[in-house]
Protein backbone atom coordinates (compact mmCIF):
# COMPACT_ATOMS: atom_id res chain seq x y z
CA UNK A 1 5.11 11.42 14.00
CA UNK A 2 3.97 15.09 13.60
CA UNK A 3 6.69 15.51 11.02
CA UNK A 4 5.57 12.75 9.37
CA UNK A 5 2.27 14.30 9.10
CA UNK A 6 3.91 17.43 8.00
CA UNK A 7 5.53 15.84 5.21
CA UNK A 8 2.48 14.19 4.08
CA UNK A 9 0.67 17.47 3.87
CA UNK A 10 3.27 19.33 2.24
CA UNK A 11 3.55 16.67 -0.49
CA UNK A 12 -0.31 16.86 -1.25
CA UNK A 13 -0.09 20.70 -1.13
CA UNK A 14 2.92 20.39 -3.56
CA UNK A 15 1.11 18.15 -6.03
CA UNK A 16 -2.15 20.11 -5.85
CA UNK A 17 -0.06 23.56 -6.46
CA UNK A 18 1.28 22.06 -9.45
CA UNK A 19 -2.05 21.01 -10.80
CA UNK A 20 -3.41 24.30 -10.50
CA UNK A 21 -0.60 26.34 -11.40
CA UNK A 22 -1.23 28.62 -14.35
CA UNK A 23 1.14 27.68 -16.65
CA UNK A 24 -0.58 24.41 -17.18
CA UNK A 25 -4.25 25.63 -16.71
CA UNK A 26 -5.24 25.73 -20.41
CA UNK A 27 -4.35 22.01 -20.60
CA UNK A 28 -7.14 21.11 -18.06
CA UNK A 29 -10.11 21.79 -20.40
CA UNK A 30 -10.90 19.46 -23.52
CA UNK A 31 -10.70 15.55 -23.74
CA UNK A 32 -8.39 13.66 -21.82
CA UNK A 33 -8.30 11.02 -24.64
CA UNK A 34 -7.32 8.48 -21.85
CA UNK A 35 -9.73 5.89 -23.97
CA UNK A 36 -8.05 2.91 -25.29
CA UNK A 37 -4.46 3.99 -23.66
CA UNK A 38 -2.53 1.69 -21.26
CA UNK A 39 -0.66 3.37 -18.29
CA UNK A 40 2.00 2.26 -16.01
CA UNK A 41 2.75 3.95 -12.83
CA UNK A 42 5.18 4.13 -9.65
CA UNK A 43 4.03 5.47 -6.46
CA UNK A 44 4.89 6.28 -2.95
CA UNK A 45 2.77 5.24 -0.13
CA UNK A 46 2.46 6.71 3.15
CA UNK A 47 0.35 4.23 5.75
CA UNK A 48 -0.67 5.73 8.77
CA UNK A 49 -0.09 4.30 12.62
CA UNK A 50 -2.73 1.90 13.49
CA UNK A 51 -3.53 -0.17 16.66
CA UNK A 52 -4.96 -3.51 16.26
CA UNK A 53 -6.80 -5.60 18.94
CA UNK A 54 -6.46 -9.77 18.86
CA UNK A 55 -8.09 -12.13 20.41
CA UNK A 56 -7.30 -13.17 24.07
CA UNK A 57 -6.03 -9.52 24.66
CA UNK A 58 -3.01 -9.54 22.49
CA UNK A 59 -2.52 -6.05 20.55
CA UNK A 60 -0.16 -4.42 17.82
CA UNK A 61 0.40 -0.93 17.22
CA UNK A 62 2.52 0.40 13.79
CA UNK A 63 3.89 3.37 13.16
CA UNK A 64 3.77 5.43 10.07
CA UNK A 65 5.82 4.09 7.56
CA UNK A 66 6.43 4.88 3.94
CA UNK A 67 6.39 1.98 0.98
CA UNK A 68 6.32 1.91 -2.55
CA UNK A 69 4.39 0.26 -5.18
CA UNK A 70 4.09 -0.01 -9.02
CA UNK A 71 1.07 -0.47 -11.27
CA UNK A 72 -0.33 -1.12 -14.92
CA UNK A 73 -3.95 -0.54 -16.22
CA UNK A 74 -5.89 0.07 -19.18
CA UNK A 75 -8.39 2.72 -19.77
CA UNK A 76 -11.68 1.31 -21.19
CA UNK A 77 -13.01 4.56 -21.66
CA UNK A 78 -12.51 8.48 -20.38
CA UNK A 79 -13.92 7.42 -17.22
CA UNK A 80 -13.56 3.93 -16.51
CA UNK A 81 -10.03 2.35 -15.76
CA UNK A 82 -8.94 -1.29 -14.86
CA UNK A 83 -5.43 -1.79 -12.95
CA UNK A 84 -3.33 -4.46 -11.51
CA UNK A 85 -0.84 -3.23 -8.85
CA UNK A 86 1.89 -4.70 -6.38
CA UNK A 87 2.95 -2.77 -3.00
CA UNK A 88 5.36 -3.14 -0.68
CA UNK A 89 5.88 -1.57 3.11
CA UNK A 90 7.88 -2.03 6.27
CA UNK A 91 5.90 -1.29 9.21
CA UNK A 92 7.90 -1.03 12.86
CA UNK A 93 5.61 -2.23 15.53
CA UNK A 94 5.28 -2.71 19.19
CA UNK A 95 3.14 -5.64 20.71
CA UNK A 96 1.65 -6.72 23.95
CA UNK A 97 1.44 -10.52 24.21
CA UNK A 98 -1.39 -11.99 26.29
CA UNK A 99 -0.61 -15.00 28.53
CA UNK A 100 -2.21 -18.29 27.35
CA UNK A 101 -1.27 -19.79 30.96
CA UNK A 102 -3.90 -20.34 33.53
CA UNK A 103 -3.88 -18.92 36.02
CA UNK A 104 -2.48 -15.79 33.25
CA UNK A 105 0.98 -14.45 33.80
CA UNK A 106 1.95 -11.23 33.71
CA UNK A 107 1.93 -9.65 29.43
CA UNK A 108 5.10 -9.59 27.55
CA UNK A 109 5.83 -6.46 25.18
CA UNK A 110 8.10 -6.94 22.03
CA UNK A 111 8.89 -4.63 19.00
CA UNK A 112 9.88 -4.90 15.62
CA UNK A 113 9.26 -4.74 12.16
CA UNK A 114 6.78 -6.47 9.69
CA UNK A 115 6.88 -6.37 6.17
CA UNK A 116 3.92 -6.20 3.79
CA UNK A 117 3.09 -6.75 0.07
CA UNK A 118 0.47 -6.72 -1.66
CA UNK A 119 -0.63 -8.05 -5.11
CA UNK A 120 -4.23 -6.91 -6.13
CA UNK A 121 -6.43 -5.22 -8.76
CA UNK A 122 -9.00 -1.99 -8.89
CA UNK A 123 -11.44 -0.27 -10.34
CA UNK A 124 -11.31 3.35 -10.84
CA UNK A 125 -13.91 5.79 -11.90
CA UNK A 126 -12.67 9.40 -13.40
CA UNK A 127 -15.71 12.03 -12.54
CA UNK A 128 -14.56 13.79 -15.46
CA UNK A 129 -13.59 13.35 -19.12
CA UNK A 130 -11.01 16.02 -18.75
CA UNK A 131 -7.27 16.27 -17.61
CA UNK A 132 -7.97 17.26 -14.17
CA UNK A 133 -10.50 14.96 -12.57
CA UNK A 134 -11.18 13.41 -9.51
CA UNK A 135 -11.91 9.98 -9.08
CA UNK A 136 -13.26 7.44 -7.05
CA UNK A 137 -11.81 3.76 -6.64
CA UNK A 138 -12.65 0.04 -5.49
CA UNK A 139 -10.12 -2.34 -4.95
CA UNK A 140 -9.73 -6.01 -3.63
CA UNK A 141 -6.26 -8.26 -3.55
CA UNK A 142 -4.14 -10.26 -1.51
CA UNK A 143 -1.63 -9.51 1.59
CA UNK A 144 1.44 -11.54 2.55
CA UNK A 145 2.04 -10.17 6.00
CA UNK A 146 5.55 -11.61 7.56
CA UNK A 147 6.00 -10.46 11.46
CA UNK A 148 9.63 -11.54 11.17
CA UNK A 149 8.96 -13.04 14.91
CA UNK A 150 10.85 -16.57 14.58
CA UNK A 151 8.29 -19.89 14.81
CA UNK A 152 11.36 -22.25 14.89
CA UNK A 153 15.22 -22.92 15.27
CA UNK A 154 17.31 -21.40 12.31
CA UNK A 155 18.34 -24.13 9.99
CA UNK A 156 21.22 -24.61 7.58
CA UNK A 157 21.69 -26.39 4.56
CA UNK A 158 23.89 -26.52 1.18
CA UNK A 159 22.93 -27.12 -2.48
CA UNK A 160 23.86 -26.51 -6.16
CA UNK A 161 22.40 -23.28 -7.75
CA UNK A 162 22.40 -23.27 -11.29
CA UNK A 163 23.77 -19.83 -11.37
CA UNK A 164 25.99 -19.44 -8.45
CA UNK A 165 27.13 -23.10 -7.99
CA UNK A 166 27.57 -24.20 -4.64
CA UNK A 167 26.10 -22.37 -1.73
CA UNK A 168 25.54 -23.28 2.04
CA UNK A 169 23.32 -20.80 4.01
CA UNK A 170 21.21 -20.47 7.63
CA UNK A 171 17.56 -19.18 7.61
CA UNK A 172 15.12 -19.24 10.14
CA UNK A 173 11.33 -19.67 9.47
CA UNK A 174 8.83 -16.88 10.57
CA UNK A 175 4.95 -16.20 11.62
CA UNK A 176 3.39 -14.77 8.62
CA UNK A 177 -0.05 -14.98 6.97
CA UNK A 178 -1.75 -14.65 3.63
CA UNK A 179 -5.26 -12.45 3.89
CA UNK A 180 -7.64 -11.16 1.79
CA UNK A 181 -7.41 -7.11 1.35
CA UNK A 182 -10.45 -4.76 -0.10
CA UNK A 183 -10.47 -1.39 0.24
CA UNK A 184 -12.13 2.17 -1.25
CA UNK A 185 -10.15 5.45 -2.25
CA UNK A 186 -10.74 9.05 -3.81
CA UNK A 187 -8.41 11.43 -4.93
CA UNK A 188 -7.35 13.96 -7.82
CA UNK A 189 -6.03 12.62 -11.31
CA UNK A 190 -4.07 15.25 -13.73
CA UNK A 191 -3.04 13.93 -17.21
CA UNK A 192 0.02 16.62 -18.32
CA UNK A 193 -0.28 16.08 -21.98
CA UNK A 194 -0.81 12.76 -23.75
CA UNK A 195 1.91 10.90 -22.46
CA UNK A 196 1.99 11.81 -18.70
CA UNK A 197 -0.02 11.66 -15.39
CA UNK A 198 0.46 12.03 -11.75
CA UNK A 199 -2.48 11.00 -8.77
CA UNK A 200 -2.80 11.90 -5.38
CA UNK A 201 -5.33 9.98 -3.40
CA UNK A 202 -6.57 8.68 -0.06
CA UNK A 203 -7.18 4.85 0.22
CA UNK A 204 -8.59 2.94 3.43
CA UNK A 205 -7.70 -0.68 3.36
CA UNK A 206 -8.64 -3.55 5.31
CA UNK A 207 -6.65 -6.54 6.08
CA UNK A 208 -8.77 -9.84 7.22
CA UNK A 209 -5.84 -10.89 9.51
CA UNK A 210 -6.37 -14.07 11.06
CA UNK A 211 -6.85 -13.94 15.04
CA UNK A 212 -7.82 -10.40 14.92
CA UNK A 213 -10.90 -9.14 16.83
CA UNK A 214 -11.96 -7.48 13.43
CA UNK A 215 -10.54 -6.82 9.97
CA UNK A 216 -8.12 -3.60 10.58
CA UNK A 217 -8.58 -0.96 8.10
CA UNK A 218 -5.36 0.97 7.19
CA UNK A 219 -5.41 4.97 6.07
CA UNK A 220 -3.12 5.66 3.48
CA UNK A 221 -1.83 8.37 1.09
CA UNK A 222 -0.74 7.82 -2.42
CA UNK A 223 1.00 10.17 -4.92
CA UNK A 224 1.70 8.16 -8.19
CA UNK A 225 3.82 9.34 -11.22
CA UNK A 226 2.97 7.43 -14.61
CA UNK A 227 2.72 7.29 -18.28
CA UNK A 228 0.22 6.33 -20.78
CA UNK A 229 0.75 4.88 -24.06
């Protein structure tokens, strides 16, 4: 855990140091020329550990994990940016499963890896009409969470694939959910010339998980590199 936090700190310092380097200082003045441009980006996401309580005494503790994302957006003017993006994370977890028997039996423990895929949109406001600017954003979306916990026996089947021909396979369905997601964030953006930009930001996202005592919030650090056209 400590090593991951140290890595995140170093990444943040490196990005900010690059933004404020003496060789680039001359580019921080003047207009950013963002108005009317499209942009696309890839990103690394670092989601911090979280303890989640569910109904009837069950709970889940997730580890700090790294993921990735990509997106594209349109700069309405020098300040406003509308974006659509996709993100993916695999989060290791340990869970305490409360007994539903009467009288209750001892709780059971399990560990696993959950997969979280997210599609959504965001509105960003750049505070300055300059290449280097702080920003704030609001985001909404939809998350698909797969616990990878089986909810039935394995199944087998065969079919004719239009590309690969005759195929047989075995699969097993797992507990999953589709959940509404929303979040707020802030950070700093640097437009390095007319074509490239980088953003470093902190975001807090809530996922409306079913059966949770309240919508859990996840802290994350996002490092983006992109191009404008």
